[in-house]
Protein backbone atom coordinates (compact mmCIF):
# COMPACT_ATOMS: atom_id res chain seq x y z
CA UNK A 1 -28.94 -10.72 3.10
CA UNK A 2 -27.39 -14.18 2.77
CA UNK A 3 -23.62 -14.50 2.85
CA UNK A 4 -21.93 -16.89 0.41
CA UNK A 5 -18.26 -17.78 0.01
CA UNK A 6 -16.61 -17.38 -3.39
CA UNK A 7 -13.83 -20.00 -3.44
CA UNK A 8 -12.68 -23.51 -4.30
CA UNK A 9 -9.99 -23.65 -1.61
CA UNK A 10 -11.05 -26.52 0.64
CA UNK A 11 -9.25 -25.15 3.71
CA UNK A 12 -10.85 -21.74 3.25
CA UNK A 13 -14.24 -23.36 2.85
CA UNK A 14 -13.86 -25.33 6.07
CA UNK A 15 -12.90 -22.16 7.96
CA UNK A 16 -15.79 -20.19 6.46
CA UNK A 17 -18.33 -22.87 7.35
CA UNK A 18 -17.19 -22.59 10.98
CA UNK A 19 -18.98 -19.23 11.12
CA UNK A 20 -22.20 -21.21 11.06
CA UNK A 21 -24.23 -18.77 8.95
CA UNK A 22 -22.57 -18.97 5.53
CA UNK A 23 -25.42 -20.08 3.27
CA UNK A 24 -23.56 -21.34 0.25
CA UNK A 25 -20.55 -21.47 -2.04
CA UNK A 26 -20.00 -20.07 -5.53
CA UNK A 27 -17.29 -21.43 -7.80
CA UNK A 28 -15.87 -20.70 -11.23
CA UNK A 29 -13.70 -22.64 -13.67
CA UNK A 30 -11.15 -19.84 -13.28
CA UNK A 31 -10.87 -20.50 -9.54
CA UNK A 32 -10.37 -24.22 -10.17
CA UNK A 33 -7.67 -23.50 -12.75
CA UNK A 34 -5.86 -21.13 -10.38
CA UNK A 35 -5.86 -23.71 -7.61
CA UNK A 36 -4.50 -26.41 -9.88
CA UNK A 37 -7.63 -28.57 -9.76
CA UNK A 38 -7.56 -31.12 -12.60
CA UNK A 39 -10.37 -33.41 -11.45
CA UNK A 40 -13.23 -30.91 -11.74
CA UNK A 41 -15.95 -33.52 -11.25
CA UNK A 42 -14.24 -34.88 -8.16
CA UNK A 43 -14.02 -31.37 -6.75
CA UNK A 44 -17.72 -30.74 -7.43
CA UNK A 45 -18.69 -33.96 -5.66
CA UNK A 46 -16.53 -33.11 -2.64
CA UNK A 47 -17.81 -29.54 -2.46
CA UNK A 48 -21.43 -30.68 -2.65
CA UNK A 49 -20.97 -32.37 0.71
CA UNK A 50 -19.19 -29.47 2.39
CA UNK A 51 -21.64 -26.58 2.07
CA UNK A 52 -25.40 -25.96 2.45
CA UNK A 53 -25.63 -24.90 -1.20
CA UNK A 54 -23.18 -25.26 -4.07
CA UNK A 55 -23.25 -23.19 -7.25
CA UNK A 56 -21.28 -24.61 -10.20
CA UNK A 57 -20.85 -23.69 -13.84
CA UNK A 58 -22.95 -25.36 -16.54
CA UNK A 59 -21.00 -23.99 -19.48
CA UNK A 60 -21.96 -24.37 -23.11
CA UNK A 61 -22.15 -22.41 -26.36
CA UNK A 62 -25.70 -23.48 -27.18
CA UNK A 63 -28.90 -24.26 -25.31
CA UNK A 64 -28.42 -27.97 -25.88
CA UNK A 65 -24.82 -27.97 -24.72
CA UNK A 66 -25.73 -26.06 -21.54
CA UNK A 67 -28.55 -28.51 -20.78
CA UNK A 68 -26.29 -31.45 -21.57
CA UNK A 69 -23.62 -30.17 -19.15
CA UNK A 70 -26.22 -29.69 -16.42
CA UNK A 71 -27.52 -33.24 -16.99
CA UNK A 72 -23.97 -34.61 -16.89
CA UNK A 73 -23.29 -32.89 -13.55
CA UNK A 74 -26.54 -34.28 -12.14
CA UNK A 75 -25.28 -37.81 -12.92
CA UNK A 76 -22.35 -37.34 -10.52
CA UNK A 77 -22.65 -38.87 -7.03
CA UNK A 78 -23.57 -35.53 -5.47
CA UNK A 79 -24.61 -35.12 -1.85
CA UNK A 80 -27.10 -32.43 -2.87
CA UNK A 81 -28.13 -30.91 -6.18
CA UNK A 82 -26.23 -27.73 -7.08
CA UNK A 83 -27.43 -24.43 -8.46
CA UNK A 84 -26.29 -24.14 -12.07
CA UNK A 85 -24.36 -21.00 -13.02
CA UNK A 86 -24.94 -19.88 -16.60
CA UNK A 87 -23.40 -16.77 -18.22
CA UNK A 88 -25.92 -14.31 -19.62
CA UNK A 89 -26.69 -14.80 -23.33
CA UNK A 90 -29.69 -15.65 -25.48
CA UNK A 91 -28.78 -19.31 -25.19
CA UNK A 92 -28.19 -18.87 -21.48
CA UNK A 93 -31.64 -17.43 -20.70
CA UNK A 94 -33.39 -20.11 -22.80
CA UNK A 95 -31.44 -22.81 -20.97
CA UNK A 96 -32.25 -21.10 -17.68
CA UNK A 97 -35.97 -21.22 -18.43
CA UNK A 98 -35.87 -24.88 -19.44
CA UNK A 99 -33.84 -25.90 -16.41
CA UNK A 100 -36.19 -23.92 -14.16
CA UNK A 101 -39.22 -25.65 -15.70
CA UNK A 102 -37.63 -28.97 -14.73
CA UNK A 103 -37.33 -27.83 -11.11
CA UNK A 104 -33.66 -26.89 -11.14
CA UNK A 105 -32.29 -23.56 -9.95
CA UNK A 106 -30.07 -21.32 -12.06
CA UNK A 107 -27.76 -18.39 -11.35
CA UNK A 108 -27.46 -16.24 -14.46
CA UNK A 109 -24.22 -14.36 -13.94
CA UNK A 110 -21.73 -12.04 -15.66
CA UNK A 111 -24.46 -9.39 -15.60
CA UNK A 112 -23.31 -5.90 -16.59
CA UNK A 113 -26.52 -4.14 -17.69
CA UNK A 114 -30.10 -3.79 -16.55
CA UNK A 115 -31.33 -5.29 -19.83
CA UNK A 116 -29.25 -8.41 -19.17
CA UNK A 117 -30.63 -8.58 -15.65
CA UNK A 118 -34.19 -8.28 -16.93
CA UNK A 119 -33.73 -11.16 -19.38
CA UNK A 120 -32.41 -13.37 -16.57
CA UNK A 121 -35.22 -12.37 -14.23
CA UNK A 122 -37.86 -12.97 -16.89
CA UNK A 123 -36.35 -16.41 -17.60
CA UNK A 124 -36.97 -17.37 -13.98
CA UNK A 125 -33.38 -17.27 -12.74
CA UNK A 126 -33.13 -18.06 -9.04
CA UNK A 127 -30.17 -15.66 -8.85
CA UNK A 128 -29.21 -12.66 -10.96
CA UNK A 129 -25.55 -11.86 -10.49
CA UNK A 130 -24.04 -8.46 -11.41
CA UNK A 131 -20.26 -8.18 -10.97
CA UNK A 132 -19.79 -5.08 -8.86
CA UNK A 133 -15.99 -5.06 -8.73
CA UNK A 134 -15.53 -5.56 -12.46
CA UNK A 135 -18.14 -2.93 -13.27
CA UNK A 136 -16.40 -0.41 -11.05
CA UNK A 137 -13.05 -1.29 -12.61
CA UNK A 138 -14.51 -0.14 -15.93
CA UNK A 139 -15.90 3.08 -14.48
CA UNK A 140 -19.56 2.00 -14.30
CA UNK A 141 -21.97 2.65 -11.43
CA UNK A 142 -22.32 -0.90 -10.16
CA UNK A 143 -24.23 0.12 -7.05
CA UNK A 144 -26.90 1.87 -9.14
CA UNK A 145 -27.34 -1.22 -11.30
CA UNK A 146 -27.79 -3.48 -8.27
CA UNK A 147 -30.30 -1.06 -6.75
CA UNK A 148 -32.26 -1.08 -10.03
CA UNK A 149 -32.28 -4.89 -10.11
CA UNK A 150 -33.60 -5.05 -6.56
CA UNK A 151 -36.22 -2.39 -7.33
CA UNK A 152 -37.50 -4.22 -10.42
CA UNK A 153 -37.79 -7.52 -8.59
CA UNK A 154 -39.72 -5.92 -5.74
CA UNK A 155 -41.90 -3.75 -8.00
CA UNK A 156 -42.99 -6.58 -10.27
CA UNK A 157 -42.93 -9.34 -7.65
CA UNK A 158 -40.36 -11.51 -9.43
CA UNK A 159 -38.88 -14.46 -7.56
CA UNK A 160 -35.24 -13.89 -8.49
CA UNK A 161 -32.63 -12.89 -5.93
CA UNK A 162 -29.92 -10.35 -6.66
CA UNK A 163 -26.44 -11.65 -5.86
CA UNK A 164 -23.78 -8.97 -5.27
CA UNK A 165 -20.55 -10.49 -6.63
CA UNK A 166 -16.99 -9.62 -7.62
CA UNK A 167 -16.40 -8.35 -4.09
CA UNK A 168 -12.99 -6.76 -3.58
CA UNK A 169 -13.09 -5.36 -0.04
CA UNK A 170 -15.31 -5.11 3.08
CA UNK A 171 -16.83 -1.86 1.82
CA UNK A 172 -18.51 -3.86 -0.94
CA UNK A 173 -20.34 -5.93 1.67
CA UNK A 174 -21.60 -2.76 3.33
CA UNK A 175 -22.78 -1.48 -0.04
CA UNK A 176 -24.49 -4.79 -0.76
CA UNK A 177 -26.44 -4.47 2.47
CA UNK A 178 -27.49 -0.91 1.70
CA UNK A 179 -28.58 -1.70 -1.87
CA UNK A 180 -30.92 -4.41 -0.62
CA UNK A 181 -29.08 -7.22 -2.40
CA UNK A 182 -30.46 -10.59 -1.35
CA UNK A 183 -27.11 -12.39 -1.46
CA UNK A 184 -23.47 -11.34 -1.32
CA UNK A 185 -20.74 -13.78 -2.32
CA UNK A 186 -17.28 -12.87 -1.10
CA UNK A 187 -13.74 -14.27 -1.13
CA UNK A 188 -12.47 -15.60 2.18
CA UNK A 189 -9.91 -12.81 2.47
CA UNK A 190 -12.76 -10.33 2.68
CA UNK A 191 -15.06 -12.48 4.81
CA UNK A 192 -12.31 -13.09 7.36
CA UNK A 193 -11.93 -9.34 7.94
CA UNK A 194 -15.55 -8.23 8.15
CA UNK A 195 -15.29 -8.00 11.95
CA UNK A 196 -12.07 -6.00 11.86
CA UNK A 197 -12.05 -2.44 13.16
CA UNK A 198 -9.21 -0.54 14.82
CA UNK A 199 -11.48 0.96 17.47
CA UNK A 200 -12.93 -2.46 18.29
CA UNK A 201 -9.42 -3.88 18.59
CA UNK A 202 -8.41 -1.04 20.91
CA UNK A 203 -11.48 -1.47 23.09
CA UNK A 204 -11.01 -5.24 23.28
CA UNK A 205 -7.37 -4.80 24.29
CA UNK A 206 -8.40 -2.39 27.03
CA UNK A 207 -11.07 -4.77 28.34
CA UNK A 208 -8.54 -7.62 28.35
CA UNK A 209 -5.95 -5.48 30.11
CA UNK A 210 -8.37 -4.30 32.78
CA UNK A 211 -9.72 -7.82 33.33
CA UNK A 212 -6.21 -9.15 33.86
CA UNK A 213 -5.36 -6.32 36.23
CA UNK A 214 -8.38 -7.28 38.34
CA UNK A 215 -7.85 -11.05 38.27
CA UNK A 216 -4.10 -11.79 38.12
CA UNK A 217 -2.16 -11.95 41.38
CA UNK A 218 1.20 -10.27 41.74
CA UNK A 219 2.82 -13.58 42.60
CA UNK A 220 1.83 -14.98 39.19
CA UNK A 221 3.86 -12.33 37.40
CA UNK A 222 6.82 -11.80 39.70
CA UNK A 223 10.19 -12.65 38.21
CA UNK A 224 12.00 -15.77 39.30
CA UNK A 225 15.16 -13.72 39.91
CA UNK A 226 15.21 -12.39 43.46
CA UNK A 227 18.54 -10.66 44.22
CA UNK A 228 18.98 -10.21 47.97
CA UNK A 229 21.77 -8.66 50.05
CA UNK A 230 22.32 -7.94 53.68
CA UNK A 231 23.30 -4.40 54.54
CA UNK A 232 26.69 -5.70 55.69
CA UNK A 233 27.57 -6.82 52.14
CA UNK A 234 29.57 -4.65 49.77
CA UNK A 235 28.56 -2.50 46.86
CA UNK A 236 30.47 -4.85 44.56
CA UNK A 237 28.36 -7.76 45.75
CA UNK A 238 25.19 -5.80 45.04
CA UNK A 239 26.45 -4.92 41.56
CA UNK A 240 27.19 -8.57 40.79
CA UNK A 241 23.74 -9.67 41.92
CA UNK A 242 22.08 -6.92 39.85
CA UNK A 243 24.05 -8.01 36.79
CA UNK A 244 23.31 -11.71 37.25
CA UNK A 245 19.59 -11.13 37.76
CA UNK A 246 19.34 -8.44 35.04
CA UNK A 247 17.37 -6.36 37.51
CA UNK A 248 18.15 -2.85 38.61
CA UNK A 249 17.20 -3.62 42.19
CA UNK A 250 18.59 -5.50 45.18
CA UNK A 251 16.36 -6.19 48.17
CA UNK A 252 18.09 -5.64 51.52
CA UNK A 253 17.28 -7.93 54.43
CA UNK A 254 18.33 -8.33 58.02
CA UNK A 255 19.89 -11.45 59.48
CA UNK A 256 16.43 -13.01 59.84
CA UNK A 257 15.66 -12.48 56.16
CA UNK A 258 13.10 -9.72 56.72
CA UNK A 259 12.94 -6.81 54.29
CA UNK A 260 14.66 -3.69 55.60
CA UNK A 261 15.35 -1.69 52.47
CA UNK A 262 16.10 -1.49 48.77
CA UNK A 263 19.17 -0.52 46.75
CA UNK A 264 18.66 0.40 43.11
CA UNK A 265 20.80 1.05 40.06
CA UNK A 266 19.94 4.73 40.56
CA UNK A 267 21.43 4.57 44.03
CA UNK A 268 24.48 2.86 42.53
CA UNK A 269 25.07 5.58 39.93
CA UNK A 270 24.66 8.38 42.46
CA UNK A 271 27.08 6.75 44.88
CA UNK A 272 29.74 6.27 42.21
CA UNK A 273 29.32 9.81 40.92
CA UNK A 274 29.62 11.30 44.40
CA UNK A 275 32.37 9.08 45.83
CA UNK A 276 34.16 7.39 42.92
CA UNK A 277 35.37 3.80 42.66
CA UNK A 278 36.83 3.85 46.17
CA UNK A 279 33.45 2.86 47.60
CA UNK A 280 33.17 -0.43 45.68
CA UNK A 281 34.33 -2.33 48.77
CA UNK A 282 32.22 -0.32 51.21
CA UNK A 283 29.18 -1.92 52.81
CA UNK A 284 25.70 -0.97 51.73
CA UNK A 285 24.98 0.11 55.29
CA UNK A 286 27.77 2.67 55.10
CA UNK A 287 26.88 3.86 51.57
CA UNK A 288 23.21 4.17 52.41
CA UNK A 289 20.00 2.78 50.98
CA UNK A 290 16.26 3.41 51.07
CA UNK A 291 14.85 2.10 54.32
CA UNK A 292 11.26 2.60 53.18
CA UNK A 293 10.86 0.43 50.08
CA UNK A 294 7.47 0.10 48.38
CA UNK A 295 6.23 -3.43 49.00
CA UNK A 296 3.22 -5.46 47.98
CA UNK A 297 1.95 -8.86 49.04
CA UNK A 298 2.26 -11.65 46.53
CA UNK A 299 -1.48 -12.35 46.77
CA UNK A 300 -2.42 -8.77 45.86
CA UNK A 301 -4.04 -8.08 42.49
CA UNK A 302 -2.06 -6.37 39.75
CA UNK A 303 -4.51 -3.51 39.95
CA UNK A 304 -3.10 -2.72 43.41
CA UNK A 305 0.42 -2.79 42.00
CA UNK A 306 -0.57 -0.24 39.35
CA UNK A 307 -1.84 2.09 42.06
CA UNK A 308 1.46 1.82 43.93
CA UNK A 309 3.52 2.50 40.79
CA UNK A 310 1.49 5.64 40.15
CA UNK A 311 1.37 6.81 43.77
CA UNK A 312 5.07 6.43 44.56
CA UNK A 313 6.42 6.94 41.01
CA UNK A 314 8.86 4.05 41.33
CA UNK A 315 10.08 1.54 38.75
CA UNK A 316 10.29 -1.47 41.07
CA UNK A 317 8.19 -2.85 43.90
CA UNK A 318 9.37 -5.53 46.32
CA UNK A 319 6.96 -8.45 46.46
CA UNK A 320 6.73 -9.95 49.93
CA UNK A 321 5.42 -13.07 51.58
CA UNK A 322 4.80 -11.74 55.04
CA UNK A 323 8.04 -9.91 55.89
CA UNK A 324 10.17 -12.05 53.58
CA UNK A 325 11.07 -10.97 50.01
CA UNK A 326 9.37 -13.13 47.37
CA UNK A 327 10.67 -11.24 44.34
CA UNK A 328 10.61 -7.96 42.49
CA UNK A 329 7.88 -6.54 40.26
CA UNK A 330 9.27 -4.12 37.66
CA UNK A 331 6.99 -1.68 35.87
CA UNK A 332 8.33 -2.90 32.53
CA UNK A 333 7.06 -6.39 33.35
CA UNK A 334 3.54 -5.03 33.06
CA UNK A 335 4.24 -2.89 30.01
CA UNK A 336 5.92 -5.68 28.01
CA UNK A 337 3.04 -8.07 28.66
CA UNK A 338 0.48 -5.51 27.58
CA UNK A 339 -0.98 -5.32 31.07
CA UNK A 340 -0.15 -1.66 31.58
CA UNK A 341 -0.88 1.01 28.96
CA UNK A 342 1.00 4.26 28.67
CA UNK A 343 -1.89 6.07 30.37
CA UNK A 344 -0.87 4.34 33.63
CA UNK A 345 2.76 5.43 33.47
């Protein structure tokens, strides 16, 4: 089944053509009116150079007026000859036959019944175009009609192609495929979402997450804030550094700058609850801190960090360069960046 775009929006057309497999473009005077196009001929000329195949209206109330409009369009400086769209009518099928005899191709559209489709097929229409969405709006079985058109063409070896049109949603494209329609022409809003699926999006996000966990180094994600205290400094000093860094962790080092422990906001709350405000000027060494902090090298992969978060059930890991603190990795850093799903927590 060939995919066509149903539009006159030049930006949409450019984006659709980027897919590389869109075979053509269908237009209507209604589309041009809605988009404020006043130079219809200029638009037709421009569109003829943008797409592999252009289908434009050759509108008229009689056979002669339809043929005259088609001849007028052919006099334009077109890049390639268009397919002429003609509404189904007695005049329309006669004009279709005459245009076809001259080597032109015609799309007989606004088809709502099998009899109309037969007349277009018999007249040699290159495309027979039932309007699925409009038929369904009126309570008719559009899918059955399209299946019948396909069946007749195949059974009697006609050359016409059935074009599934008036597409409203991606489900219509699926139905077009199942009915055996040769062509489906869709608005860009539908075409742009044909690849969408919630399960696909979830799987893609998981693949991206796992790839990043296996390729990104801890040092690439570590925060620039790196609050450090010596154990001889006071609780107040630690509180100030936590506040300034917006981290709930202070790394404790010895006089040589080597990591010796960690003091967290949890430690802070417990100390205040147990001892009151009198300890604000006490040293961290006297108050107490964890002397066995969880650390990770800055060159380690994030996947290793995830394992440590799960194994030790901590919220923060000290990132080290040798024995020196290089920063802090907080579990929320991974969650906020989408690098750690809830299943890891």
